[in-house]
Amino acid sequence: MFFGQLLAGLFLHSLFLLQGVPHLPVPGLILSGPLYRGGGSLFMPGLFAVSLLLAGSAWCSHLCYLGVWDARAADAGPRSGRGVPALWRKMRWGLLAVSLLLPLGLRLAGLPWPWALVLALALGLALLPCALWLSRKLGIPVYCCGICPLGMTANLLARLSPWRLRRNGHCTGCGACARVCRYGALRLDGDGRVAGPDWRCTLCRDCMSVCRHRALEIRCCGQGGAWVEQALLCSLSVLHTLFLFMGRV
């Protein structure tokens, strides 16, 4: 739907463009677009910030469609529980810096927006298929954990959100949660004990579905219980509805 509306805005009428300007519906450009344009509409960064407050890091695993594609690709690969390589985590910091500095450089160089749009599309077509192929090969969401600059931003800013995944006293250290975690937020240490969840957790709740002892739960402002998880799912459903109503990211 998002990409279809972009094509309608480009070839039929500009009214289909949410911001009145061509903007690729790629989450990673939410930060880069306003930097290239040098101001103007800050609607998308504002919507992203509000979404993080309402849903926390669940933005990556539940609201970002590229994150869903990456997760499905990783599901088709081996699941080793080894977590995400440290090099990938460092690479995300570099790509975050590039996503902020490159659009500023293009704006200062006076690159016209059609060329900037073509460049962004070329980078997306080059990175995304390769990342999805690697995700399927390794069983790890390569795009989310090693490339996406917005995912890194979401992980960091989600600390301001009240939603958390926490372990309780029922944990037996079986390691099932660590083996199913795609993002390396839960890990097995040298003694076979489970470490985490850490700041990379996206609240996907896969670990909760495999824990036989119900040792993991969603908490809000320190409060747990089934109603908290239901409240999170309700918030996500409302955000999905709003996103579709507004047309596209």
Foldseek 3Di string as FASTA:
>chain_A
DFVVLLVCCVPPHVVSPLQSDRDPQAVLCLQLVCLLVVHRDNVSVVLVLVLCQQQALLCQVQVHVLSVLLLVLLVLEDQDLAADDPVLQVQLVVLLVCSNVVSNVCNVVVPDPVVVVVVVVVVCVVPSVVQSNVSNHHSASSCLRRHRNVSVVRLVSSVNHQKDKDFDPQDPLPCPLSRPDRHRLWHQDPVSHIDGNDSSDSPNCPSCVPDPRNGMFMDGNNDTDPVNVVSSVVSSVVSVVVCVVSPGD
